[in-house]
Protein backbone atom coordinates (compact mmCIF):
# COMPACT_ATOMS: atom_id res chain seq x y z
CA MET A 1 9.68 -4.16 -10.09
CA SER A 2 6.85 -5.13 -12.36
CA GLY A 3 3.58 -7.04 -12.41
CA VAL A 4 0.85 -6.88 -9.75
CA ARG A 5 2.25 -7.08 -6.19
CA PHE A 6 -0.27 -8.18 -3.59
CA SER A 7 1.53 -6.35 -0.91
CA SER A 8 0.83 -2.96 0.71
CA GLN A 9 0.57 -0.76 3.64
CA ARG A 10 0.00 -1.30 7.22
CA VAL A 11 -3.61 -1.75 8.37
CA PHE A 12 -3.94 1.91 9.34
CA ILE A 13 -2.53 3.46 6.24
CA LEU A 14 -5.55 4.36 4.25
CA LEU A 15 -6.84 7.89 3.49
CA ALA A 16 -9.44 9.98 5.11
CA VAL A 17 -13.03 9.08 6.05
CA THR A 18 -14.77 7.88 2.83
CA ALA A 19 -17.55 9.56 1.01
CA LEU A 20 -19.51 6.28 1.05
CA VAL A 21 -19.62 6.37 4.80
CA GLN A 22 -20.49 10.00 4.59
CA SER A 23 -23.39 9.38 2.18
CA MET A 24 -24.88 6.78 4.70
CA LEU A 25 -24.71 9.27 7.45
CA PHE A 26 -26.93 11.87 5.65
CA ALA A 27 -30.58 11.03 5.97
CA GLY A 28 -33.33 13.65 6.32
CA GLU A 29 -35.73 11.71 8.55
CA GLU A 30 -37.47 13.64 11.25
CA ASP A 31 -36.33 11.23 13.99
CA GLU A 32 -32.57 11.79 13.06
CA LYS A 33 -32.64 15.62 13.30
CA ASP A 34 -31.25 15.62 16.86
CA GLU A 35 -28.04 13.91 15.89
CA ASN A 36 -24.68 15.60 15.21
CA ILE A 37 -23.31 14.20 12.12
CA VAL A 38 -20.38 15.75 10.41
CA ILE A 39 -18.68 14.37 7.33
CA ASP A 40 -15.07 14.86 8.48
CA GLN A 41 -11.89 13.66 6.88
CA ASP A 42 -9.26 12.81 9.47
CA ALA A 43 -6.29 11.76 7.36
CA GLY A 44 -4.76 8.35 7.73
CA GLU A 45 -7.87 6.58 8.91
CA THR A 46 -9.04 3.44 7.21
CA LEU A 47 -12.31 2.85 5.55
CA GLU A 48 -12.85 -0.23 7.70
CA LEU A 49 -12.17 1.47 10.94
CA LYS A 50 -14.16 4.57 10.33
CA ALA A 51 -17.09 2.69 9.03
CA ILE A 52 -17.35 0.41 12.13
CA ASN A 53 -18.20 3.47 14.07
CA VAL A 54 -20.90 5.18 11.88
CA LEU A 55 -22.94 2.29 10.11
CA ALA A 56 -25.68 2.20 12.79
CA GLN A 57 -28.22 4.34 10.86
CA PRO A 58 -31.35 2.39 9.84
CA VAL A 59 -31.44 1.42 6.12
CA LYS A 60 -33.25 4.23 4.22
CA PRO A 61 -35.09 3.49 0.97
CA ARG A 62 -33.39 6.34 -0.93
CA VAL A 63 -30.21 7.15 -2.97
CA HIS A 64 -27.80 9.31 -1.08
CA GLY A 65 -24.54 11.01 -2.32
CA ALA A 66 -21.76 13.04 -0.75
CA LEU A 67 -18.89 15.28 -1.69
CA THR A 68 -16.03 16.43 0.56
CA ILE A 69 -12.83 18.45 -0.33
CA GLY A 70 -10.02 19.27 1.96
CA ALA A 71 -6.48 20.81 2.32
CA GLY A 72 -3.75 20.71 5.10
CA THR A 73 -0.17 21.73 5.83
CA ASP A 74 2.42 20.83 8.38
CA ALA A 75 4.55 23.26 10.20
CA GLN A 76 8.12 22.40 9.29
CA ASN A 77 9.26 19.41 11.25
CA THR A 78 12.93 19.22 12.60
CA LEU A 79 14.21 15.64 12.46
CA ASN A 80 15.95 14.23 15.52
CA ASP A 81 19.65 13.35 15.62
CA ASN A 82 20.41 16.09 13.02
CA GLY A 83 18.31 14.12 10.44
CA GLY A 84 17.26 17.27 8.55
CA TYR A 85 13.77 18.81 8.00
CA ALA A 86 10.53 17.74 6.61
CA LYS A 87 7.19 19.28 5.52
CA ALA A 88 4.08 18.06 3.96
CA THR A 89 1.02 19.68 2.25
CA ARG A 90 -2.10 17.80 1.15
CA GLU A 91 -5.30 18.18 -0.93
CA SER A 92 -8.05 15.64 -1.07
CA LEU A 93 -11.33 14.79 -2.71
CA LEU A 94 -13.88 12.25 -1.74
CA VAL A 95 -17.25 11.32 -3.64
CA GLY A 96 -19.66 8.54 -2.81
CA LEU A 97 -23.05 7.09 -3.54
CA ASP A 98 -25.30 5.00 -1.36
CA VAL A 99 -28.01 2.85 -3.12
CA PRO A 100 -30.72 0.74 -1.53
CA LEU A 101 -31.00 -2.86 -2.90
CA ALA A 102 -33.83 -3.93 -0.73
CA ARG A 103 -35.86 -2.72 2.34
CA LYS A 104 -33.19 -3.79 4.66
CA THR A 105 -30.03 -3.76 2.47
CA THR A 106 -27.91 -0.98 0.94
CA ILE A 107 -24.73 -0.96 -1.18
CA SER A 108 -22.34 1.96 -1.20
CA GLY A 109 -19.37 2.89 -3.44
CA SER A 110 -16.77 5.62 -3.10
CA PHE A 111 -13.73 7.12 -4.88
CA GLU A 112 -11.05 8.98 -2.91
CA ARG A 113 -7.93 10.80 -4.02
CA GLU A 114 -5.35 12.51 -1.86
CA PHE A 115 -2.28 14.33 -3.13
CA SER A 116 0.73 15.03 -0.96
CA GLN A 117 3.85 17.08 -1.48
CA TYR A 118 6.81 16.35 0.84
CA ASP A 119 9.66 18.82 1.03
CA LEU A 120 12.57 17.03 2.57
CA ASP A 121 15.99 18.16 3.43
CA LEU A 122 17.64 14.97 4.72
CA THR A 123 21.23 14.55 6.09
CA PRO A 124 21.76 10.70 6.14
CA PRO A 125 23.86 9.81 2.97
CA SER A 126 21.60 6.91 2.05
CA ILE A 127 18.61 9.17 1.58
CA SER A 128 20.06 12.63 1.23
CA GLU A 129 19.18 12.84 -2.49
CA ILE A 130 15.45 12.44 -1.79
CA GLY A 131 14.23 16.05 -1.88
CA PHE A 132 10.76 17.17 -3.23
CA MET A 133 8.22 14.26 -3.56
CA HIS A 134 4.79 14.17 -5.13
CA LEU A 135 2.80 11.29 -3.76
CA SER A 136 -0.85 10.23 -3.93
CA ILE A 137 -3.30 7.80 -2.44
CA THR A 138 -6.24 6.55 -4.62
CA ARG A 139 -8.97 4.34 -3.22
CA PHE A 140 -11.97 2.54 -4.41
CA GLY A 141 -14.31 1.29 -1.75
CA LEU A 142 -17.53 -0.83 -1.38
CA ILE A 143 -19.75 -1.47 1.63
CA VAL A 144 -22.77 -3.79 1.85
CA ARG A 145 -24.91 -3.19 4.84
CA HIS A 146 -27.89 -5.34 6.03
CA GLN A 147 -30.30 -4.59 8.96
CA LEU A 148 -30.73 -7.75 10.98
CA GLY A 149 -33.40 -6.55 13.16
CA GLU A 150 -34.50 -3.51 15.14
CA LYS A 151 -31.11 -3.21 16.95
CA TRP A 152 -28.69 -5.25 14.98
CA THR A 153 -26.83 -4.35 11.81
CA ALA A 154 -24.28 -6.43 9.79
CA PHE A 155 -21.99 -5.16 7.14
CA ALA A 156 -19.04 -6.15 4.85
CA ILE A 157 -16.51 -3.71 3.57
CA GLY A 158 -13.91 -4.05 0.84
CA ASP A 159 -11.49 -1.65 -0.76
CA MET A 160 -8.56 -1.40 -3.23
CA THR A 161 -5.94 1.32 -2.65
CA PHE A 162 -3.01 2.52 -4.64
CA SER A 163 -0.36 4.49 -2.77
CA THR A 164 2.49 5.77 -4.87
CA GLU A 165 5.11 8.35 -5.69
CA ASP A 166 4.43 9.93 -9.15
CA HIS A 167 5.59 7.72 -11.99
CA ALA A 168 5.62 4.63 -9.85
CA SER A 169 3.44 1.81 -11.07
CA TRP A 170 0.07 1.67 -9.45
CA SER A 171 0.31 -2.20 -9.34
CA ASP A 172 3.43 -2.04 -7.25
CA GLY A 173 1.66 0.31 -4.63
CA MET A 174 -1.52 -1.67 -4.45
CA THR A 175 -3.11 -2.73 -1.12
CA TYR A 176 -6.45 -4.49 -0.64
CA GLY A 177 -8.54 -5.70 2.33
CA GLY A 178 -11.80 -5.58 4.09
CA LEU A 179 -13.79 -6.05 7.29
CA ILE A 180 -16.85 -7.92 8.48
CA ALA A 181 -18.68 -6.68 11.53
CA VAL A 182 -21.87 -6.48 13.42
CA ARG A 183 -23.22 -3.70 15.58
CA GLN A 184 -25.91 -3.40 18.30
CA GLN A 185 -27.76 -0.28 18.97
CA VAL A 186 -28.49 -0.93 22.61
CA ASN A 187 -30.55 2.21 23.12
CA LYS A 188 -30.78 5.70 21.71
CA SER A 189 -27.61 6.74 23.53
CA PHE A 190 -25.29 3.72 23.26
CA ALA A 191 -24.21 1.36 20.65
CA TRP A 192 -21.30 -1.18 20.49
CA GLN A 193 -19.74 -3.06 17.59
CA VAL A 194 -17.07 -5.74 16.84
CA GLY A 195 -15.38 -6.92 13.70
CA ILE A 196 -12.50 -8.57 12.09
CA ILE A 197 -10.22 -6.53 9.67
CA ALA A 198 -7.72 -8.10 7.28
CA ARG A 199 -5.26 -6.07 4.97
CA THR A 200 -2.20 -6.68 2.87
CA ARG A 201 0.77 -4.52 3.53
CA LEU A 202 3.57 -3.06 1.40
CA GLU A 203 6.35 -3.58 3.86
CA ASP A 204 5.21 -6.73 5.48
CA SER A 205 2.84 -9.66 5.27
CA ALA A 206 -0.94 -9.40 5.64
CA LEU A 207 -2.37 -8.43 9.05
CA VAL A 208 -5.55 -9.64 10.69
CA LEU A 209 -6.98 -7.81 13.78
CA PRO A 210 -10.22 -7.65 15.86
CA ILE A 211 -11.74 -4.33 15.93
CA PRO A 212 -14.07 -3.29 18.84
CA GLY A 213 -15.71 -0.03 19.35
CA ILE A 214 -18.45 2.03 21.16
CA ASP A 215 -20.62 5.09 20.26
CA TRP A 216 -21.93 6.76 23.38
CA LYS A 217 -24.16 9.82 23.43
CA ILE A 218 -23.39 11.00 26.99
CA ASN A 219 -25.98 13.61 27.01
CA ASP A 220 -27.64 15.95 24.49
CA ARG A 221 -24.40 17.88 23.74
CA LEU A 222 -21.59 15.45 24.53
CA ALA A 223 -20.68 12.17 22.67
CA LEU A 224 -17.77 9.67 22.84
CA ARG A 225 -16.70 7.47 19.93
CA THR A 226 -13.92 4.87 19.79
CA ALA A 227 -12.38 2.47 17.25
CA GLN A 228 -9.07 3.76 15.67
CA GLY A 229 -8.75 6.27 18.50
CA VAL A 230 -10.91 8.11 21.07
CA THR A 231 -12.92 11.18 20.13
CA LEU A 232 -15.05 13.38 22.23
CA SER A 233 -17.47 15.71 20.44
CA TYR A 234 -19.41 18.57 22.19
CA ASP A 235 -22.23 20.82 20.75
CA LEU A 236 -20.95 24.22 21.85
CA VAL A 237 -24.20 26.19 21.76
CA GLY A 238 -26.71 23.33 21.73
CA ASP A 239 -28.18 24.25 18.31
CA LYS A 240 -26.45 21.46 16.40
CA HIS A 241 -24.40 24.01 14.34
CA TRP A 242 -21.21 24.70 16.19
CA LEU A 243 -19.29 21.55 17.16
CA PHE A 244 -15.99 20.96 18.98
CA ASP A 245 -14.04 17.78 18.76
CA ALA A 246 -11.01 16.58 20.68
CA GLY A 247 -9.41 13.15 20.26
CA VAL A 248 -6.31 11.02 19.84
CA ASN A 249 -6.00 8.56 16.82
CA PHE A 250 -3.36 6.77 14.77
CA GLU A 251 -2.39 7.96 11.34
CA ASN A 252 -0.20 5.93 8.82
CA ARG A 253 0.66 6.74 5.21
CA ILE A 254 2.83 4.27 3.35
CA TYR A 255 3.89 4.74 -0.36
CA ARG A 256 5.76 2.92 -3.04
CA MET A 257 8.61 4.94 -4.39
CA ASP A 258 9.52 5.42 -7.99
CA GLY A 259 12.25 3.31 -9.56
CA ARG A 260 14.23 6.55 -10.34
CA SER A 261 14.37 7.66 -6.74
CA GLN A 262 17.43 7.23 -4.63
CA LEU A 263 15.28 4.78 -2.80
CA SER A 264 14.39 2.83 -5.98
CA ASP A 265 11.14 1.03 -5.73
CA GLY A 266 11.35 1.40 -1.98
CA VAL A 267 8.78 2.27 0.66
CA PHE A 268 8.31 5.54 2.50
CA ILE A 269 6.27 5.65 5.74
CA ASP A 270 4.89 8.74 7.47
CA ARG A 271 3.44 7.57 10.79
CA ARG A 272 2.10 9.63 13.74
CA ILE A 273 -0.20 9.62 16.79
CA PRO A 274 -1.77 13.18 17.04
CA LEU A 275 -3.92 14.96 19.44
CA VAL A 276 -6.64 16.46 17.18
CA THR A 277 -8.73 19.44 18.03
CA ALA A 278 -11.44 20.79 15.70
CA ILE A 279 -14.14 23.31 15.40
CA THR A 280 -16.94 22.74 12.88
CA TYR A 281 -19.85 24.80 11.62
CA GLN A 282 -22.66 22.51 10.31
CA LEU A 283 -25.08 24.44 8.13
CA ARG A 284 -27.37 21.48 8.00
CA ARG A 285 -26.82 17.79 8.65
CA GLY A 286 -24.06 16.74 6.34
CA THR A 287 -23.07 20.16 4.96
CA PHE A 288 -20.27 21.72 6.97
CA VAL A 289 -16.96 23.61 7.07
CA LYS A 290 -14.36 22.32 9.54
CA CYS A 291 -10.93 23.49 10.80
CA SER A 292 -8.56 21.39 12.83
CA VAL A 293 -5.20 21.28 14.34
CA SER A 294 -3.31 18.00 14.83
CA THR A 295 -0.42 18.01 17.29
CA PRO A 296 1.62 14.70 17.22
CA PHE A 297 3.12 13.35 20.40
CA TYR A 298 4.74 10.74 18.25
CA ARG A 299 5.80 11.12 14.61
CA GLN A 300 8.22 9.02 12.52
CA TYR A 301 9.54 9.07 8.90
CA LYS A 302 10.71 5.68 7.80
CA PHE A 303 12.57 4.68 4.54
CA CYS A 304 12.66 1.13 3.66
CA THR A 305 13.84 -1.11 0.67
CA SER A 306 11.40 -2.77 -1.73
CA ASP A 307 11.08 -5.86 0.68
CA GLY A 308 10.44 -3.64 3.83
CA THR A 309 14.08 -3.58 5.34
CA THR A 310 14.62 -0.32 7.10
CA ILE A 311 17.30 1.91 5.78
CA GLU A 312 16.52 5.01 7.92
CA SER A 313 14.16 5.85 10.67
CA LEU A 314 13.79 9.40 11.80
CA ASP A 315 11.69 10.78 14.65
CA SER A 316 10.50 14.34 14.36
CA ASN A 317 9.65 17.12 16.75
CA TYR A 318 5.99 17.74 17.71
CA TYR A 319 5.12 20.74 15.43
CA PRO A 320 1.39 20.78 14.41
CA SER A 321 -0.52 20.37 11.25
CA PHE A 322 -3.41 22.62 10.14
CA ASN A 323 -6.34 21.37 8.21
CA ILE A 324 -9.50 22.66 6.64
CA SER A 325 -12.28 20.77 4.94
CA ALA A 326 -15.86 21.29 3.61
CA GLY A 327 -18.53 18.98 2.50
CA THR A 328 -22.09 18.42 1.52
CA ALA A 329 -24.55 15.42 1.32
CA PHE A 330 -27.59 15.06 -0.91
């Protein structure tokens, strides 16, 4: 396989929340100090879907930046139907910068990198030689945001992502896409948004979807947010420092395999729907340490040929993953 392939993952493959979104969240204005804003990094979420929930803040005439690092590991998963065993560990880095272009317009750029190590012991003969894999996701993102009025914000998002096994060509693992959306801040407690997202995919044709969402501050300590999933956030003490989150989302990672693999130039998919619980200590707005547990009630490993034809599809048990992350904004 050679040359640039304009095919890539499913719409929900992309890596964690982006640093450019994080940088937009950090603003030191007095009227924002009562908000709980944590720069988390829930793996598998797309830039577009995460951004649609958080781009409500007024445009600020200042340059902001952000840095987040994280790591996580699975408990070893037993694959159904005597499929074998699987375990993954990950490390991630996110950096971003938000720059005002005009009084009501900002542009943000980000760079993200996630490294994954999969330790597989597979019994199906067609994939039994696939053992330990080093995989990575690299993404470059861009957001343009414009304040239309006191309550309305419009934004356009674009990104280019490369998801590959070590030694595989980046061009063969490239995906690109974007989103356009509008958001209305109805009042201090409630906002809604709607947009259209379009992405190319490694294993299938491009996908276009409408993406609605809400952001509801139910009271001073409890908030609800939707888009890629549903998340409830609770201020445990009421001091904006200790936060508890519980939610359900959709995670999807899809990688282009190396030509020397048993699945030569094929596609590897790790897809799950987890219940995520997390505890966060926020030192100040945008500077935090977060520990989380993700327990899937659905998880599937899928192995496909280069054109997306499924060779093996293996469901796993529901053992959890453990994650820790830390970040700061400036």
